[in-house]
Amino acid sequence: PEWMAPEFLRGEPTNEKSDVYSFGVILWELVTLQQPWNGLSHAQVVGAVAFQSRRPSIPPNISPVLASLMESCWAE
């Protein structure tokens, strides 16, 4: 569930915007060279993303353009 959109994790209808969310997570993974939500169980990821609106932390050394793109992908 690390790459799945919040609405998908909540069992709500999805559309192409869900793919944009996933792209943002993949971009974060490529930029940081880390796995998203490392150390959390699948249930914890679902709770954090779908019900607490948490998103991966963007490190401060990331290009502002890429950071803005990721944040835009994750906007609800």
PDB file of N, CA and C in Angstrom:
ATOM      1  N   PRO A   1       0.807  -1.229   0.000  1.00  0.00           N
ATOM      2  CA  PRO A   1       0.000   0.000   0.000  1.00  0.00           C
ATOM      3  C   PRO A   1       0.839   1.278   0.000  1.00  0.00           C
ATOM      4  N   GLU A   2       2.163   1.144   0.019  1.00  0.00           N
ATOM      5  CA  GLU A   2       3.027   2.328   0.113  1.00  0.00           C
ATOM      6  C   GLU A   2       2.828   3.311  -1.031  1.00  0.00           C
ATOM      7  N   TRP A   3       2.434   2.838  -2.187  1.00  0.00           N
ATOM      8  CA  TRP A   3       2.310   3.696  -3.371  1.00  0.00           C
ATOM      9  C   TRP A   3       0.857   4.000  -3.719  1.00  0.00           C
ATOM     10  N   MET A   4      -0.083   3.459  -2.963  1.00  0.00           N
ATOM     11  CA  MET A   4      -1.506   3.603  -3.290  1.00  0.00           C
ATOM     12  C   MET A   4      -2.078   4.917  -2.771  1.00  0.00           C
ATOM     13  N   ALA A   5      -2.983   5.471  -3.549  1.00  0.00           N
ATOM     14  CA  ALA A   5      -3.625   6.734  -3.191  1.00  0.00           C
ATOM     15  C   ALA A   5      -4.545   6.552  -1.984  1.00  0.00           C
ATOM     16  N   PRO A   6      -4.698   7.600  -1.178  1.00  0.00           N
ATOM     17  CA  PRO A   6      -5.546   7.510   0.012  1.00  0.00           C
ATOM     18  C   PRO A   6      -6.966   7.047  -0.290  1.00  0.00           C
ATOM     19  N   GLU A   7      -7.565   7.567  -1.360  1.00  0.00           N
ATOM     20  CA  GLU A   7      -8.944   7.185  -1.676  1.00  0.00           C
ATOM     21  C   GLU A   7      -9.046   5.704  -2.021  1.00  0.00           C
ATOM     22  N   PHE A   8      -8.025   5.151  -2.660  1.00  0.00           N
ATOM     23  CA  PHE A   8      -8.013   3.725  -2.958  1.00  0.00           C
ATOM     24  C   PHE A   8      -7.941   2.921  -1.663  1.00  0.00           C
ATOM     25  N   LEU A   9      -7.086   3.353  -0.752  1.00  0.00           N
ATOM     26  CA  LEU A   9      -6.930   2.652   0.526  1.00  0.00           C
ATOM     27  C   LEU A   9      -8.199   2.711   1.370  1.00  0.00           C
ATOM     28  N   ARG A  10      -9.006   3.760   1.185  1.00  0.00           N
ATOM     29  CA  ARG A  10     -10.271   3.887   1.916  1.00  0.00           C
ATOM     30  C   ARG A  10     -11.416   3.165   1.219  1.00  0.00           C
ATOM     31  N   GLY A  11     -11.156   2.583   0.050  1.00  0.00           N
ATOM     32  CA  GLY A  11     -12.194   1.873  -0.691  1.00  0.00           C
ATOM     33  C   GLY A  11     -13.130   2.790  -1.455  1.00  0.00           C
ATOM     34  N   GLU A  12     -12.696   4.013  -1.698  1.00  0.00           N
ATOM     35  CA  GLU A  12     -13.510   4.983  -2.430  1.00  0.00           C
ATOM     36  C   GLU A  12     -13.239   4.859  -3.928  1.00  0.00           C
ATOM     37  N   PRO A  13     -14.121   5.434  -4.752  1.00  0.00           N
ATOM     38  CA  PRO A  13     -13.872   5.410  -6.199  1.00  0.00           C
ATOM     39  C   PRO A  13     -12.556   6.114  -6.541  1.00  0.00           C
ATOM     40  N   THR A  14     -11.890   5.611  -7.557  1.00  0.00           N
ATOM     41  CA  THR A  14     -10.613   6.190  -7.980  1.00  0.00           C
ATOM     42  C   THR A  14     -10.692   6.608  -9.444  1.00  0.00           C
ATOM     43  N   ASN A  15      -9.746   7.430  -9.847  1.00  0.00           N
ATOM     44  CA  ASN A  15      -9.641   7.855 -11.243  1.00  0.00           C
ATOM     45  C   ASN A  15      -8.169   8.140 -11.541  1.00  0.00           C
ATOM     46  N   GLU A  16      -7.910   8.870 -12.618  1.00  0.00           N
ATOM     47  CA  GLU A  16      -6.520   9.133 -13.005  1.00  0.00           C
ATOM     48  C   GLU A  16      -5.756   9.933 -11.957  1.00  0.00           C
ATOM     49  N   LYS A  17      -6.452  10.663 -11.099  1.00  0.00           N
ATOM     50  CA  LYS A  17      -5.782  11.425 -10.045  1.00  0.00           C
ATOM     51  C   LYS A  17      -5.085  10.493  -9.050  1.00  0.00           C
ATOM     52  N   SER A  18      -5.623   9.300  -8.895  1.00  0.00           N
ATOM     53  CA  SER A  18      -4.983   8.315  -8.016  1.00  0.00           C
ATOM     54  C   SER A  18      -3.616   7.922  -8.558  1.00  0.00           C
ATOM     55  N   ASP A  19      -3.507   7.847  -9.874  1.00  0.00           N
ATOM     56  CA  ASP A  19      -2.219   7.536 -10.497  1.00  0.00           C
ATOM     57  C   ASP A  19      -1.221   8.668 -10.285  1.00  0.00           C
ATOM     58  N   VAL A  20      -1.706   9.899 -10.275  1.00  0.00           N
ATOM     59  CA  VAL A  20      -0.834  11.054 -10.045  1.00  0.00           C
ATOM     60  C   VAL A  20      -0.251  10.982  -8.637  1.00  0.00           C
ATOM     61  N   TYR A  21      -1.081  10.615  -7.652  1.00  0.00           N
ATOM     62  CA  TYR A  21      -0.587  10.449  -6.278  1.00  0.00           C
ATOM     63  C   TYR A  21       0.543   9.411  -6.264  1.00  0.00           C
ATOM     64  N   SER A  22       0.298   8.266  -6.895  1.00  0.00           N
ATOM     65  CA  SER A  22       1.302   7.196  -6.919  1.00  0.00           C
ATOM     66  C   SER A  22       2.585   7.649  -7.603  1.00  0.00           C
ATOM     67  N   PHE A  23       2.455   8.422  -8.679  1.00  0.00           N
ATOM     68  CA  PHE A  23       3.634   8.969  -9.349  1.00  0.00           C
ATOM     69  C   PHE A  23       4.451   9.818  -8.378  1.00  0.00           C
ATOM     70  N   GLY A  24       3.781  10.614  -7.561  1.00  0.00           N
ATOM     71  CA  GLY A  24       4.477  11.441  -6.577  1.00  0.00           C
ATOM     72  C   GLY A  24       5.275  10.613  -5.585  1.00  0.00           C
ATOM     73  N   VAL A  25       4.709   9.484  -5.173  1.00  0.00           N
ATOM     74  CA  VAL A  25       5.419   8.604  -4.237  1.00  0.00           C
ATOM     75  C   VAL A  25       6.620   7.960  -4.931  1.00  0.00           C
ATOM     76  N   ILE A  26       6.439   7.532  -6.174  1.00  0.00           N
ATOM     77  CA  ILE A  26       7.554   6.944  -6.920  1.00  0.00           C
ATOM     78  C   ILE A  26       8.647   7.985  -7.146  1.00  0.00           C
ATOM     79  N   LEU A  27       8.262   9.209  -7.460  1.00  0.00           N
ATOM     80  CA  LEU A  27       9.246  10.285  -7.619  1.00  0.00           C
ATOM     81  C   LEU A  27      10.012  10.492  -6.319  1.00  0.00           C
ATOM     82  N   TRP A  28       9.305  10.508  -5.184  1.00  0.00           N
ATOM     83  CA  TRP A  28       9.954  10.639  -3.874  1.00  0.00           C
ATOM     84  C   TRP A  28      10.971   9.514  -3.681  1.00  0.00           C
ATOM     85  N   GLU A  29      10.571   8.295  -4.049  1.00  0.00           N
ATOM     86  CA  GLU A  29      11.451   7.136  -3.893  1.00  0.00           C
ATOM     87  C   GLU A  29      12.711   7.281  -4.755  1.00  0.00           C
ATOM     88  N   LEU A  30      12.549   7.748  -5.982  1.00  0.00           N
ATOM     89  CA  LEU A  30      13.694   7.926  -6.880  1.00  0.00           C
ATOM     90  C   LEU A  30      14.631   9.029  -6.399  1.00  0.00           C
ATOM     91  N   VAL A  31      14.059  10.093  -5.872  1.00  0.00           N
ATOM     92  CA  VAL A  31      14.857  11.241  -5.434  1.00  0.00           C
ATOM     93  C   VAL A  31      15.595  10.949  -4.128  1.00  0.00           C
ATOM     94  N   THR A  32      14.938  10.241  -3.211  1.00  0.00           N
ATOM     95  CA  THR A  32      15.537   9.989  -1.897  1.00  0.00           C
ATOM     96  C   THR A  32      16.317   8.680  -1.829  1.00  0.00           C
ATOM     97  N   LEU A  33      16.096   7.800  -2.803  1.00  0.00           N
ATOM     98  CA  LEU A  33      16.694   6.460  -2.804  1.00  0.00           C
ATOM     99  C   LEU A  33      16.297   5.672  -1.562  1.00  0.00           C
ATOM    100  N   GLN A  34      15.075   5.886  -1.101  1.00  0.00           N
ATOM    101  CA  GLN A  34      14.534   5.186   0.060  1.00  0.00           C
ATOM    102  C   GLN A  34      13.188   4.579  -0.304  1.00  0.00           C
ATOM    103  N   GLN A  35      12.785   3.559   0.467  1.00  0.00           N
ATOM    104  CA  GLN A  35      11.451   2.998   0.300  1.00  0.00           C
ATOM    105  C   GLN A  35      10.488   3.814   1.153  1.00  0.00           C
ATOM    106  N   PRO A  36       9.354   4.213   0.581  1.00  0.00           N
ATOM    107  CA  PRO A  36       8.409   4.996   1.375  1.00  0.00           C
ATOM    108  C   PRO A  36       7.863   4.194   2.548  1.00  0.00           C
ATOM    109  N   TRP A  37       7.719   4.869   3.664  1.00  0.00           N
ATOM    110  CA  TRP A  37       7.141   4.299   4.884  1.00  0.00           C
ATOM    111  C   TRP A  37       7.928   3.107   5.398  1.00  0.00           C
ATOM    112  N   ASN A  38       9.233   3.097   5.178  1.00  0.00           N
ATOM    113  CA  ASN A  38      10.088   2.023   5.664  1.00  0.00           C
ATOM    114  C   ASN A  38       9.944   1.906   7.178  1.00  0.00           C
ATOM    115  N   GLY A  39       9.742   0.707   7.650  1.00  0.00           N
ATOM    116  CA  GLY A  39       9.609   0.470   9.080  1.00  0.00           C
ATOM    117  C   GLY A  39       8.174   0.396   9.567  1.00  0.00           C
ATOM    118  N   LEU A  40       7.213   0.766   8.712  1.00  0.00           N
ATOM    119  CA  LEU A  40       5.806   0.671   9.094  1.00  0.00           C
ATOM    120  C   LEU A  40       5.197  -0.586   8.490  1.00  0.00           C
ATOM    121  N   SER A  41       4.265  -1.189   9.201  1.00  0.00           N
ATOM    122  CA  SER A  41       3.536  -2.332   8.653  1.00  0.00           C
ATOM    123  C   SER A  41       2.542  -1.826   7.610  1.00  0.00           C
ATOM    124  N   HIS A  42       1.985  -2.747   6.831  1.00  0.00           N
ATOM    125  CA  HIS A  42       0.991  -2.346   5.831  1.00  0.00           C
ATOM    126  C   HIS A  42      -0.198  -1.656   6.496  1.00  0.00           C
ATOM    127  N   ALA A  43      -0.649  -2.182   7.623  1.00  0.00           N
ATOM    128  CA  ALA A  43      -1.783  -1.572   8.330  1.00  0.00           C
ATOM    129  C   ALA A  43      -1.442  -0.163   8.807  1.00  0.00           C
ATOM    130  N   GLN A  44      -0.225   0.037   9.263  1.00  0.00           N
ATOM    131  CA  GLN A  44       0.193   1.370   9.707  1.00  0.00           C
ATOM    132  C   GLN A  44       0.261   2.350   8.538  1.00  0.00           C
ATOM    133  N   VAL A  45       0.708   1.871   7.379  1.00  0.00           N
ATOM    134  CA  VAL A  45       0.751   2.729   6.189  1.00  0.00           C
ATOM    135  C   VAL A  45      -0.663   3.144   5.800  1.00  0.00           C
ATOM    136  N   VAL A  46      -1.579   2.197   5.786  1.00  0.00           N
ATOM    137  CA  VAL A  46      -2.975   2.509   5.452  1.00  0.00           C
ATOM    138  C   VAL A  46      -3.523   3.551   6.414  1.00  0.00           C
ATOM    139  N   GLY A  47      -3.315   3.355   7.699  1.00  0.00           N
ATOM    140  CA  GLY A  47      -3.800   4.321   8.682  1.00  0.00           C
ATOM    141  C   GLY A  47      -3.191   5.693   8.496  1.00  0.00           C
ATOM    142  N   ALA A  48      -1.887   5.736   8.278  1.00  0.00           N
ATOM    143  CA  ALA A  48      -1.186   7.016   8.143  1.00  0.00           C
ATOM    144  C   ALA A  48      -1.620   7.767   6.892  1.00  0.00           C
ATOM    145  N   VAL A  49      -1.672   7.069   5.764  1.00  0.00           N
ATOM    146  CA  VAL A  49      -1.956   7.722   4.483  1.00  0.00           C
ATOM    147  C   VAL A  49      -3.444   7.992   4.306  1.00  0.00           C
ATOM    148  N   ALA A  50      -4.272   6.975   4.557  1.00  0.00           N
ATOM    149  CA  ALA A  50      -5.703   7.093   4.257  1.00  0.00           C
ATOM    150  C   ALA A  50      -6.489   7.852   5.312  1.00  0.00           C
ATOM    151  N   PHE A  51      -6.071   7.760   6.559  1.00  0.00           N
ATOM    152  CA  PHE A  51      -6.901   8.322   7.623  1.00  0.00           C
ATOM    153  C   PHE A  51      -6.238   9.447   8.413  1.00  0.00           C
ATOM    154  N   GLN A  52      -4.922   9.586   8.311  1.00  0.00           N
ATOM    155  CA  GLN A  52      -4.226  10.678   8.993  1.00  0.00           C
ATOM    156  C   GLN A  52      -3.638  11.688   8.011  1.00  0.00           C
ATOM    157  N   SER A  53      -3.841  11.455   6.719  1.00  0.00           N
ATOM    158  CA  SER A  53      -3.366  12.354   5.650  1.00  0.00           C
ATOM    159  C   SER A  53      -1.862  12.610   5.702  1.00  0.00           C
ATOM    160  N   ARG A  54      -1.110  11.622   6.166  1.00  0.00           N
ATOM    161  CA  ARG A  54       0.348  11.778   6.189  1.00  0.00           C
ATOM    162  C   ARG A  54       0.922  11.501   4.808  1.00  0.00           C
ATOM    163  N   ARG A  55       2.030  12.155   4.500  1.00  0.00           N
ATOM    164  CA  ARG A  55       2.747  11.961   3.248  1.00  0.00           C
ATOM    165  C   ARG A  55       4.223  11.791   3.583  1.00  0.00           C
ATOM    166  N   PRO A  56       4.994  11.166   2.687  1.00  0.00           N
ATOM    167  CA  PRO A  56       6.429  11.035   2.967  1.00  0.00           C
ATOM    168  C   PRO A  56       7.068  12.407   3.195  1.00  0.00           C
ATOM    169  N   SER A  57       8.010  12.459   4.097  1.00  0.00           N
ATOM    170  CA  SER A  57       8.725  13.708   4.376  1.00  0.00           C
ATOM    171  C   SER A  57       9.707  13.998   3.250  1.00  0.00           C
ATOM    172  N   ILE A  58       9.669  15.222   2.777  1.00  0.00           N
ATOM    173  CA  ILE A  58      10.582  15.630   1.713  1.00  0.00           C
ATOM    174  C   ILE A  58      11.814  16.249   2.367  1.00  0.00           C
ATOM    175  N   PRO A  59      12.983  15.642   2.166  1.00  0.00           N
ATOM    176  CA  PRO A  59      14.201  16.187   2.778  1.00  0.00           C
ATOM    177  C   PRO A  59      14.478  17.615   2.302  1.00  0.00           C
ATOM    178  N   PRO A  60      15.093  18.431   3.145  1.00  0.00           N
ATOM    179  CA  PRO A  60      15.340  19.833   2.788  1.00  0.00           C
ATOM    180  C   PRO A  60      16.332  20.024   1.641  1.00  0.00           C
ATOM    181  N   ASN A  61      17.143  19.020   1.352  1.00  0.00           N
ATOM    182  CA  ASN A  61      18.139  19.165   0.283  1.00  0.00           C
ATOM    183  C   ASN A  61      17.583  18.842  -1.104  1.00  0.00           C
ATOM    184  N   ILE A  62      16.298  18.548  -1.190  1.00  0.00           N
ATOM    185  CA  ILE A  62      15.667  18.227  -2.473  1.00  0.00           C
ATOM    186  C   ILE A  62      15.403  19.517  -3.242  1.00  0.00           C
ATOM    187  N   SER A  63      15.573  19.470  -4.537  1.00  0.00           N
ATOM    188  CA  SER A  63      15.286  20.614  -5.397  1.00  0.00           C
ATOM    189  C   SER A  63      13.879  21.146  -5.109  1.00  0.00           C
ATOM    190  N   PRO A  64      13.735  22.457  -4.950  1.00  0.00           N
ATOM    191  CA  PRO A  64      12.404  23.031  -4.707  1.00  0.00           C
ATOM    192  C   PRO A  64      11.403  22.690  -5.811  1.00  0.00           C
ATOM    193  N   VAL A  65      11.879  22.564  -7.032  1.00  0.00           N
ATOM    194  CA  VAL A  65      10.986  22.216  -8.141  1.00  0.00           C
ATOM    195  C   VAL A  65      10.440  20.802  -7.950  1.00  0.00           C
ATOM    196  N   LEU A  66      11.316  19.855  -7.611  1.00  0.00           N
ATOM    197  CA  LEU A  66      10.872  18.478  -7.386  1.00  0.00           C
ATOM    198  C   LEU A  66       9.998  18.379  -6.142  1.00  0.00           C
ATOM    199  N   ALA A  67      10.356  19.106  -5.097  1.00  0.00           N
ATOM    200  CA  ALA A  67       9.545  19.096  -3.875  1.00  0.00           C
ATOM    201  C   ALA A  67       8.140  19.610  -4.171  1.00  0.00           C
ATOM    202  N   SER A  68       8.050  20.676  -4.930  1.00  0.00           N
ATOM    203  CA  SER A  68       6.753  21.241  -5.292  1.00  0.00           C
ATOM    204  C   SER A  68       5.944  20.267  -6.146  1.00  0.00           C
ATOM    205  N   LEU A  69       6.614  19.583  -7.061  1.00  0.00           N
ATOM    206  CA  LEU A  69       5.935  18.598  -7.896  1.00  0.00           C
ATOM    207  C   LEU A  69       5.370  17.469  -7.048  1.00  0.00           C
ATOM    208  N   MET A  70       6.160  16.951  -6.109  1.00  0.00           N
ATOM    209  CA  MET A  70       5.673  15.884  -5.233  1.00  0.00           C
ATOM    210  C   MET A  70       4.478  16.360  -4.417  1.00  0.00           C
ATOM    211  N   GLU A  71       4.578  17.540  -3.834  1.00  0.00           N
ATOM    212  CA  GLU A  71       3.475  18.071  -3.034  1.00  0.00           C
ATOM    213  C   GLU A  71       2.223  18.252  -3.883  1.00  0.00           C
ATOM    214  N   SER A  72       2.386  18.682  -5.121  1.00  0.00           N
ATOM    215  CA  SER A  72       1.238  18.836  -6.019  1.00  0.00           C
ATOM    216  C   SER A  72       0.591  17.483  -6.314  1.00  0.00           C
ATOM    217  N   CYS A  73       1.407  16.463  -6.478  1.00  0.00           N
ATOM    218  CA  CYS A  73       0.879  15.120  -6.733  1.00  0.00           C
ATOM    219  C   CYS A  73       0.070  14.602  -5.550  1.00  0.00           C
ATOM    220  N   TRP A  74       0.436  15.028  -4.353  1.00  0.00           N
ATOM    221  CA  TRP A  74      -0.220  14.523  -3.147  1.00  0.00           C
ATOM    222  C   TRP A  74      -1.381  15.381  -2.678  1.00  0.00           C
ATOM    223  N   ALA A  75      -1.650  16.486  -3.350  1.00  0.00           N
ATOM    224  CA  ALA A  75      -2.753  17.366  -2.943  1.00  0.00           C
ATOM    225  C   ALA A  75      -4.082  16.640  -3.149  1.00  0.00           C
ATOM    226  N   GLU A  76      -4.984  16.828  -2.200  1.00  0.00           N
ATOM    227  CA  GLU A  76      -6.305  16.188  -2.331  1.00  0.00           C
ATOM    228  C   GLU A  76      -7.313  17.150  -2.884  1.00  0.00           C
TER     229      GLU A  76
END
